[in-house]
Each structure stands twice: as structure tokens, then as C-alpha cells.
Amino acid sequence: MIRHIFFDLDHTLWDFDRNARETLSELYASYKLHTLGVECCETFIQTYTENNHKLWADYHLGKISKDTLRSQRFSQTFIQLGIHPDQIPPQFEDDYVRITPTKTNLFAGAEKVLTYLRQKYKLHIISNGFKESTLIKLEVCRLNPYFDNIIISEDAGVNKPDRAIFEFALRNAGAQKQECIMIGDSIEADIRGAQDFGMKAIFFNPANKETPPDVIWQINHLEELLLHF
């Protein structure tokens, strides 16, 4: 019997790509990137998004550090777009990190679903996101009251999919794995991480990507959870 539901935050409840897009559009204009030779804002956003997703995949698996991720995602993007390293705005990353967590776009139905589930289950967050940014996102989006525990990889000392972060989360929740389920967007970090640990998992797949056979349960919209719990 399920008593505890663990959610990922970025790309699952908090619409990372939409919030990042808003921030990057603002920074493109304020830094006048067209004067550096970055002629198309949309190309800039797409290039950054691809680089950021790849780097986050490596970060999940412990292949790179937080500092490496932060130092490379924009430097790679600018260099790919033909900008000399000496021309890369030195404060761009800091401004991005400062502004993005203040954005409040959630996936459709997030608050409705959390309000419903909160009445029946203990809810928790397990996030690989950077601690300072994660706490800001939860605060500005008024999500804290929904959750009993906020588990952040920097506090646990390991990232999803390492089983140690799930052990850490269950200790904090006072829960047993058979009464828990994980909901997240990352097949590797959230789904395989939880399943390898012995927890059930639901893949949040809003883009309706092709899924491998080990993904047992998936949803395309958060409100589908209302039908299952």
C-alpha cells in the first residue's frame, strides 16, 4: 500500500525549460547578445538547452561536478555559436542562476494534483538540483506546504540514481520502500534509480518520448495521477 510519494522537482513539477527560456530571452536582450554576433535568440536558447541537458545527465551520474556544469554550459554554448572565449560575458552565468529560480511556471495541474494527493499521502521531494536554487523555487512557487521532506542531493552527498540518496530519503521520511513511489522525468535518475532500489516509479513524459521496456508506468500529464491515486 502506497503511503509516501516522492517527486522530482525540475522538469516534473517546476517547468525548467519554460522558466529557463524566459530567463534566457531576458538576458539575450539585456546583454545585447546580437552585438556579439549571436544573431538569433531562439538558436541561442536551443543550443544552450542541448548543452545543459547533456551536462546535467553527466552530473546525475557523477561524471562532472557542480562547478564544471556551471562553468561549461554557457561557455560551450557561446563558443559553438562562434563567440571567442574572451567575449563571453563573465557575469552571464551568475545572472542566469540568480534570475531563473525566481520564475514560477509549473507544469499544468501541479497545484491541483499536489492539493489532492496531500490529503491522502505523505509527499516529499528528491532533487539533484542545486540546493540554493531548489529552495528558492519551492519558496517562490509556494510549494513548501505540500511536502514533509525536501531531499536535495547536496545534503545527501550523492545524486540520483545512487541508491544511497533513496536510502537517505526513506530514513528522513520514516518510510519503507514497499510503501513508496517515485515520480520524475529522468529515466536514468528517477525511474531506474528508484526501481533498482526496489521502489515503484512513474515516468513523467510530457513530450511523449519513446520509452524503453523497463519503464513500467508513465504519464504524459500530471492530472493523470488523479486517476491512479
C-alpha atoms as a PDB file:
ATOM      1  CA  MET A   1       0.000   0.000   0.000  1.00  0.00           C
ATOM      2  CA  ILE A   2       1.437   3.381  -1.038  1.00  0.00           C
ATOM      3  CA  ARG A   3       1.762   5.900   1.787  1.00  0.00           C
ATOM      4  CA  HIS A   4       4.617   8.097   0.548  1.00  0.00           C
ATOM      5  CA  ILE A   5       5.016   9.799  -2.838  1.00  0.00           C
ATOM      6  CA  PHE A   6       8.394  11.234  -3.811  1.00  0.00           C
ATOM      7  CA  PHE A   7       8.503  13.849  -6.568  1.00  0.00           C
ATOM      8  CA  ASP A   8      11.384  15.153  -8.588  1.00  0.00           C
ATOM      9  CA  LEU A   9      11.206  18.958  -8.921  1.00  0.00           C
ATOM     10  CA  ASP A  10      12.848  20.243 -12.119  1.00  0.00           C
ATOM     11  CA  HIS A  11      11.146  19.058 -15.316  1.00  0.00           C
ATOM     12  CA  THR A  12       8.457  17.320 -13.223  1.00  0.00           C
ATOM     13  CA  LEU A  13       6.670  19.968 -11.174  1.00  0.00           C
ATOM     14  CA  TRP A  14       8.717  23.068 -11.946  1.00  0.00           C
ATOM     15  CA  ASP A  15       8.807  23.680 -15.704  1.00  0.00           C
ATOM     16  CA  PHE A  16      12.558  24.045 -16.092  1.00  0.00           C
ATOM     17  CA  ASP A  17      12.659  24.607 -19.837  1.00  0.00           C
ATOM     18  CA  ARG A  18       9.916  27.234 -19.830  1.00  0.00           C
ATOM     19  CA  ASN A  19      11.463  29.106 -16.910  1.00  0.00           C
ATOM     20  CA  ALA A  20      14.932  28.912 -18.449  1.00  0.00           C
ATOM     21  CA  ARG A  21      13.577  30.145 -21.773  1.00  0.00           C
ATOM     22  CA  GLU A  22      12.062  33.222 -20.121  1.00  0.00           C
ATOM     23  CA  THR A  23      15.315  33.997 -18.343  1.00  0.00           C
ATOM     24  CA  LEU A  24      17.488  33.473 -21.421  1.00  0.00           C
ATOM     25  CA  SER A  25      15.244  35.706 -23.520  1.00  0.00           C
ATOM     26  CA  GLU A  26      15.587  38.465 -20.935  1.00  0.00           C
ATOM     27  CA  LEU A  27      19.362  38.052 -20.729  1.00  0.00           C
ATOM     28  CA  TYR A  28      19.718  37.936 -24.505  1.00  0.00           C
ATOM     29  CA  ALA A  29      18.104  41.365 -24.627  1.00  0.00           C
ATOM     30  CA  SER A  30      19.804  42.903 -21.583  1.00  0.00           C
ATOM     31  CA  TYR A  31      23.271  41.733 -22.665  1.00  0.00           C
ATOM     32  CA  LYS A  32      22.564  42.759 -26.270  1.00  0.00           C
ATOM     33  CA  LEU A  33      23.979  39.440 -27.460  1.00  0.00           C
ATOM     34  CA  HIS A  34      23.179  40.294 -31.067  1.00  0.00           C
ATOM     35  CA  THR A  35      26.016  42.828 -30.893  1.00  0.00           C
ATOM     36  CA  LEU A  36      28.426  39.984 -30.071  1.00  0.00           C
ATOM     37  CA  GLY A  37      27.306  38.027 -33.102  1.00  0.00           C
ATOM     38  CA  VAL A  38      24.622  35.832 -31.520  1.00  0.00           C
ATOM     39  CA  GLU A  39      22.097  36.797 -34.151  1.00  0.00           C
ATOM     40  CA  CYS A  40      19.137  34.613 -33.163  1.00  0.00           C
ATOM     41  CA  CYS A  41      17.736  34.345 -29.641  1.00  0.00           C
ATOM     42  CA  GLU A  42      15.948  31.073 -30.454  1.00  0.00           C
ATOM     43  CA  THR A  43      19.167  29.453 -31.716  1.00  0.00           C
ATOM     44  CA  PHE A  44      20.920  30.619 -28.557  1.00  0.00           C
ATOM     45  CA  ILE A  45      18.222  29.048 -26.365  1.00  0.00           C
ATOM     46  CA  GLN A  46      18.176  25.769 -28.306  1.00  0.00           C
ATOM     47  CA  THR A  47      21.973  25.441 -28.237  1.00  0.00           C
ATOM     48  CA  TYR A  48      22.091  26.155 -24.513  1.00  0.00           C
ATOM     49  CA  THR A  49      19.267  23.698 -23.796  1.00  0.00           C
ATOM     50  CA  GLU A  50      21.054  20.874 -25.609  1.00  0.00           C
ATOM     51  CA  ASN A  51      24.321  21.560 -23.793  1.00  0.00           C
ATOM     52  CA  ASN A  52      22.628  21.920 -20.425  1.00  0.00           C
ATOM     53  CA  HIS A  53      20.717  18.641 -20.765  1.00  0.00           C
ATOM     54  CA  LYS A  54      23.889  16.752 -21.685  1.00  0.00           C
ATOM     55  CA  LEU A  55      25.835  18.237 -18.788  1.00  0.00           C
ATOM     56  CA  TRP A  56      23.034  17.504 -16.324  1.00  0.00           C
ATOM     57  CA  ALA A  57      22.986  13.883 -17.496  1.00  0.00           C
ATOM     58  CA  ASP A  58      26.701  13.671 -16.676  1.00  0.00           C
ATOM     59  CA  TYR A  59      26.116  15.412 -13.329  1.00  0.00           C
ATOM     60  CA  HIS A  60      23.389  12.904 -12.374  1.00  0.00           C
ATOM     61  CA  LEU A  61      25.879  10.089 -12.958  1.00  0.00           C
ATOM     62  CA  GLY A  62      28.662  11.808 -11.027  1.00  0.00           C
ATOM     63  CA  LYS A  63      30.846  12.280 -14.092  1.00  0.00           C
ATOM     64  CA  ILE A  64      31.201  16.042 -13.572  1.00  0.00           C
ATOM     65  CA  SER A  65      30.950  18.407 -10.622  1.00  0.00           C
ATOM     66  CA  LYS A  66      28.520  21.238  -9.983  1.00  0.00           C
ATOM     67  CA  ASP A  67      31.274  23.767 -10.739  1.00  0.00           C
ATOM     68  CA  THR A  68      32.088  22.065 -14.040  1.00  0.00           C
ATOM     69  CA  LEU A  69      28.444  22.066 -15.096  1.00  0.00           C
ATOM     70  CA  ARG A  70      28.080  25.744 -14.300  1.00  0.00           C
ATOM     71  CA  SER A  71      31.327  26.748 -15.961  1.00  0.00           C
ATOM     72  CA  GLN A  72      30.762  24.782 -19.170  1.00  0.00           C
ATOM     73  CA  ARG A  73      27.096  25.150 -20.125  1.00  0.00           C
ATOM     74  CA  PHE A  74      27.337  28.743 -21.314  1.00  0.00           C
ATOM     75  CA  SER A  75      30.975  28.674 -22.409  1.00  0.00           C
ATOM     76  CA  GLN A  76      30.193  25.714 -24.681  1.00  0.00           C
ATOM     77  CA  THR A  77      27.103  27.476 -25.995  1.00  0.00           C
ATOM     78  CA  PHE A  78      28.828  30.750 -26.822  1.00  0.00           C
ATOM     79  CA  ILE A  79      31.823  29.017 -28.418  1.00  0.00           C
ATOM     80  CA  GLN A  80      29.540  26.805 -30.547  1.00  0.00           C
ATOM     81  CA  LEU A  81      27.836  29.962 -31.775  1.00  0.00           C
ATOM     82  CA  GLY A  82      31.148  31.435 -32.865  1.00  0.00           C
ATOM     83  CA  ILE A  83      31.880  33.741 -29.922  1.00  0.00           C
ATOM     84  CA  HIS A  84      35.503  33.989 -28.834  1.00  0.00           C
ATOM     85  CA  PRO A  85      36.020  32.983 -25.185  1.00  0.00           C
ATOM     86  CA  ASP A  86      37.327  36.469 -24.372  1.00  0.00           C
ATOM     87  CA  GLN A  87      33.984  37.937 -25.480  1.00  0.00           C
ATOM     88  CA  ILE A  88      31.797  35.752 -23.275  1.00  0.00           C
ATOM     89  CA  PRO A  89      30.080  37.993 -20.679  1.00  0.00           C
ATOM     90  CA  PRO A  90      31.674  36.993 -17.347  1.00  0.00           C
ATOM     91  CA  GLN A  91      28.531  37.600 -15.257  1.00  0.00           C
ATOM     92  CA  PHE A  92      26.135  35.770 -17.570  1.00  0.00           C
ATOM     93  CA  GLU A  93      26.103  32.501 -15.612  1.00  0.00           C
ATOM     94  CA  ASP A  94      25.678  34.309 -12.289  1.00  0.00           C
ATOM     95  CA  ASP A  95      22.765  36.346 -13.615  1.00  0.00           C
ATOM     96  CA  TYR A  96      21.147  33.223 -15.035  1.00  0.00           C
ATOM     97  CA  VAL A  97      21.470  31.391 -11.711  1.00  0.00           C
ATOM     98  CA  ARG A  98      20.113  34.401  -9.826  1.00  0.00           C
ATOM     99  CA  ILE A  99      17.071  35.017 -12.049  1.00  0.00           C
ATOM    100  CA  THR A 100      15.905  31.579 -13.173  1.00  0.00           C
ATOM    101  CA  PRO A 101      14.880  30.198  -9.743  1.00  0.00           C
ATOM    102  CA  THR A 102      12.562  33.180  -9.256  1.00  0.00           C
ATOM    103  CA  LYS A 103      10.404  32.079 -12.193  1.00  0.00           C
ATOM    104  CA  THR A 104       7.119  30.467 -11.214  1.00  0.00           C
ATOM    105  CA  ASN A 105       5.957  28.393 -14.188  1.00  0.00           C
ATOM    106  CA  LEU A 106       4.795  24.963 -13.058  1.00  0.00           C
ATOM    107  CA  PHE A 107       3.543  22.140 -15.245  1.00  0.00           C
ATOM    108  CA  ALA A 108      -0.201  22.250 -15.825  1.00  0.00           C
ATOM    109  CA  GLY A 109      -2.172  20.764 -12.971  1.00  0.00           C
ATOM    110  CA  ALA A 110       0.727  20.715 -10.491  1.00  0.00           C
ATOM    111  CA  GLU A 111      -1.022  22.569  -7.666  1.00  0.00           C
ATOM    112  CA  LYS A 112      -4.318  20.757  -8.208  1.00  0.00           C
ATOM    113  CA  VAL A 113      -2.610  17.374  -8.091  1.00  0.00           C
ATOM    114  CA  LEU A 114      -0.498  18.214  -5.043  1.00  0.00           C
ATOM    115  CA  THR A 115      -3.529  19.554  -3.177  1.00  0.00           C
ATOM    116  CA  TYR A 116      -5.393  16.307  -3.862  1.00  0.00           C
ATOM    117  CA  LEU A 117      -2.516  13.968  -3.048  1.00  0.00           C
ATOM    118  CA  ARG A 118      -1.588  15.856   0.113  1.00  0.00           C
ATOM    119  CA  GLN A 119      -4.923  14.838   1.656  1.00  0.00           C
ATOM    120  CA  LYS A 120      -4.158  11.127   1.235  1.00  0.00           C
ATOM    121  CA  TYR A 121      -0.377  10.669   1.235  1.00  0.00           C
ATOM    122  CA  LYS A 122       2.863  11.989   2.668  1.00  0.00           C
ATOM    123  CA  LEU A 123       4.612  13.934  -0.107  1.00  0.00           C
ATOM    124  CA  HIS A 124       8.348  14.520  -0.447  1.00  0.00           C
ATOM    125  CA  ILE A 125      10.858  15.995  -2.902  1.00  0.00           C
ATOM    126  CA  ILE A 126      14.047  14.270  -4.064  1.00  0.00           C
ATOM    127  CA  SER A 127      16.065  16.623  -6.258  1.00  0.00           C
ATOM    128  CA  ASN A 128      19.509  16.635  -7.836  1.00  0.00           C
ATOM    129  CA  GLY A 129      19.099  20.384  -8.327  1.00  0.00           C
ATOM    130  CA  PHE A 130      21.489  22.830  -6.706  1.00  0.00           C
ATOM    131  CA  LYS A 131      20.424  23.472  -3.113  1.00  0.00           C
ATOM    132  CA  GLU A 132      20.237  27.248  -3.168  1.00  0.00           C
ATOM    133  CA  SER A 133      18.203  27.285  -6.389  1.00  0.00           C
ATOM    134  CA  THR A 134      15.896  24.473  -5.266  1.00  0.00           C
ATOM    135  CA  LEU A 135      14.968  26.228  -2.032  1.00  0.00           C
ATOM    136  CA  ILE A 136      14.193  29.465  -3.882  1.00  0.00           C
ATOM    137  CA  LYS A 137      11.986  27.662  -6.412  1.00  0.00           C
ATOM    138  CA  LEU A 138       9.977  25.965  -3.694  1.00  0.00           C
ATOM    139  CA  GLU A 139       9.555  29.230  -1.810  1.00  0.00           C
ATOM    140  CA  VAL A 140       8.529  31.495  -4.691  1.00  0.00           C
ATOM    141  CA  CYS A 141       6.164  28.872  -6.121  1.00  0.00           C
ATOM    142  CA  ARG A 142       4.632  28.316  -2.649  1.00  0.00           C
ATOM    143  CA  LEU A 143       5.234  24.578  -2.823  1.00  0.00           C
ATOM    144  CA  ASN A 144       6.777  24.042   0.606  1.00  0.00           C
ATOM    145  CA  PRO A 145       3.473  23.396   2.445  1.00  0.00           C
ATOM    146  CA  TYR A 146       2.781  20.356   0.276  1.00  0.00           C
ATOM    147  CA  PHE A 147       5.917  18.457   1.300  1.00  0.00           C
ATOM    148  CA  ASP A 148       7.028  16.784   4.511  1.00  0.00           C
ATOM    149  CA  ASN A 149      10.667  16.451   3.416  1.00  0.00           C
ATOM    150  CA  ILE A 150      12.880  18.186   0.865  1.00  0.00           C
ATOM    151  CA  ILE A 151      15.750  15.851  -0.020  1.00  0.00           C
ATOM    152  CA  ILE A 152      18.494  17.558  -2.026  1.00  0.00           C
ATOM    153  CA  SER A 153      21.452  15.635  -3.382  1.00  0.00           C
ATOM    154  CA  GLU A 154      23.951  18.138  -1.978  1.00  0.00           C
ATOM    155  CA  ASP A 155      22.665  17.314   1.521  1.00  0.00           C
ATOM    156  CA  ALA A 156      22.608  13.569   0.885  1.00  0.00           C
ATOM    157  CA  GLY A 157      26.123  13.634  -0.554  1.00  0.00           C
ATOM    158  CA  VAL A 158      25.103  11.635  -3.648  1.00  0.00           C
ATOM    159  CA  ASN A 159      22.902  12.166  -6.700  1.00  0.00           C
ATOM    160  CA  LYS A 160      20.034  10.102  -8.053  1.00  0.00           C
ATOM    161  CA  PRO A 161      20.287   7.340  -9.300  1.00  0.00           C
ATOM    162  CA  ASP A 162      22.647   6.300  -6.481  1.00  0.00           C
ATOM    163  CA  ARG A 163      20.670   4.089  -4.106  1.00  0.00           C
ATOM    164  CA  ALA A 164      22.175   5.984  -1.167  1.00  0.00           C
ATOM    165  CA  ILE A 165      20.016   9.038  -1.853  1.00  0.00           C
ATOM    166  CA  PHE A 166      16.881   6.893  -1.781  1.00  0.00           C
ATOM    167  CA  GLU A 167      18.034   5.320   1.490  1.00  0.00           C
ATOM    168  CA  PHE A 168      18.654   8.836   2.838  1.00  0.00           C
ATOM    169  CA  ALA A 169      15.187   9.953   1.705  1.00  0.00           C
ATOM    170  CA  LEU A 170      13.411   6.988   3.278  1.00  0.00           C
ATOM    171  CA  ARG A 171      15.222   7.473   6.584  1.00  0.00           C
ATOM    172  CA  ASN A 172      14.122  11.099   6.643  1.00  0.00           C
ATOM    173  CA  ALA A 173      10.545  10.139   5.784  1.00  0.00           C
ATOM    174  CA  GLY A 174      10.408   7.215   8.222  1.00  0.00           C
ATOM    175  CA  ALA A 175       9.172   5.070   5.338  1.00  0.00           C
ATOM    176  CA  GLN A 176       9.673   1.576   3.934  1.00  0.00           C
ATOM    177  CA  LYS A 177      10.403   1.184   0.232  1.00  0.00           C
ATOM    178  CA  GLN A 178       7.351  -1.007  -0.423  1.00  0.00           C
ATOM    179  CA  GLU A 179       5.065   1.867   0.651  1.00  0.00           C
ATOM    180  CA  CYS A 180       6.790   4.455  -1.581  1.00  0.00           C
ATOM    181  CA  ILE A 181       6.651   5.566  -5.195  1.00  0.00           C
ATOM    182  CA  MET A 182       8.881   7.956  -7.159  1.00  0.00           C
ATOM    183  CA  ILE A 183       7.597  10.334  -9.857  1.00  0.00           C
ATOM    184  CA  GLY A 184      10.090  12.031 -12.170  1.00  0.00           C
ATOM    185  CA  ASP A 185      11.120  12.908 -15.698  1.00  0.00           C
ATOM    186  CA  SER A 186      14.542  11.242 -15.848  1.00  0.00           C
ATOM    187  CA  ILE A 187      14.561   7.585 -16.841  1.00  0.00           C
ATOM    188  CA  GLU A 188      18.093   7.137 -15.549  1.00  0.00           C
ATOM    189  CA  ALA A 189      17.987   9.209 -12.357  1.00  0.00           C
ATOM    190  CA  ASP A 190      14.374   8.899 -11.228  1.00  0.00           C
ATOM    191  CA  ILE A 191      12.924   5.749 -12.755  1.00  0.00           C
ATOM    192  CA  ARG A 192      15.845   3.340 -12.922  1.00  0.00           C
ATOM    193  CA  GLY A 193      17.281   4.803  -9.737  1.00  0.00           C
ATOM    194  CA  ALA A 194      14.078   4.093  -7.824  1.00  0.00           C
ATOM    195  CA  GLN A 195      13.386   0.722  -9.456  1.00  0.00           C
ATOM    196  CA  ASP A 196      16.926  -0.526  -8.869  1.00  0.00           C
ATOM    197  CA  PHE A 197      16.485   0.463  -5.230  1.00  0.00           C
ATOM    198  CA  GLY A 198      13.254  -1.517  -5.033  1.00  0.00           C
ATOM    199  CA  MET A 199      10.727   1.334  -5.237  1.00  0.00           C
ATOM    200  CA  LYS A 200       7.898   1.713  -7.705  1.00  0.00           C
ATOM    201  CA  ALA A 201       8.267   4.607 -10.143  1.00  0.00           C
ATOM    202  CA  ILE A 202       6.185   6.663 -12.570  1.00  0.00           C
ATOM    203  CA  PHE A 203       7.841   8.286 -15.574  1.00  0.00           C
ATOM    204  CA  PHE A 204       6.547  11.807 -16.251  1.00  0.00           C
ATOM    205  CA  ASN A 205       6.759  12.101 -20.031  1.00  0.00           C
ATOM    206  CA  PRO A 206       5.085  15.327 -21.207  1.00  0.00           C
ATOM    207  CA  ALA A 207       6.869  15.241 -24.574  1.00  0.00           C
ATOM    208  CA  ASN A 208       5.640  11.669 -25.175  1.00  0.00           C
ATOM    209  CA  LYS A 209       9.149  10.389 -25.850  1.00  0.00           C
ATOM    210  CA  GLU A 210       9.694   6.776 -26.823  1.00  0.00           C
ATOM    211  CA  THR A 211      10.303   4.793 -23.673  1.00  0.00           C
ATOM    212  CA  PRO A 212      12.412   1.682 -23.053  1.00  0.00           C
ATOM    213  CA  PRO A 213      10.741  -1.562 -21.892  1.00  0.00           C
ATOM    214  CA  ASP A 214      11.889  -1.193 -18.281  1.00  0.00           C
ATOM    215  CA  VAL A 215       9.627   1.846 -17.873  1.00  0.00           C
ATOM    216  CA  ILE A 216       6.594   0.146 -16.374  1.00  0.00           C
ATOM    217  CA  TRP A 217       4.321   3.126 -15.686  1.00  0.00           C
ATOM    218  CA  GLN A 218       4.232   6.529 -17.332  1.00  0.00           C
ATOM    219  CA  ILE A 219       2.031   9.602 -17.551  1.00  0.00           C
ATOM    220  CA  ASN A 220       2.001  12.459 -20.036  1.00  0.00           C
ATOM    221  CA  HIS A 221       0.092  14.937 -17.846  1.00  0.00           C
ATOM    222  CA  LEU A 222       0.256  15.415 -14.090  1.00  0.00           C
ATOM    223  CA  GLU A 223      -3.517  15.279 -13.771  1.00  0.00           C
ATOM    224  CA  GLU A 224      -3.406  11.633 -14.829  1.00  0.00           C
ATOM    225  CA  LEU A 225      -2.247  11.000 -11.262  1.00  0.00           C
ATOM    226  CA  LEU A 226      -5.740  11.884 -10.082  1.00  0.00           C
ATOM    227  CA  LEU A 227      -6.982   8.736 -11.793  1.00  0.00           C
ATOM    228  CA  HIS A 228      -4.429   6.451 -10.163  1.00  0.00           C
ATOM    229  CA  PHE A 229      -4.299   7.581  -6.512  1.00  0.00           C
END
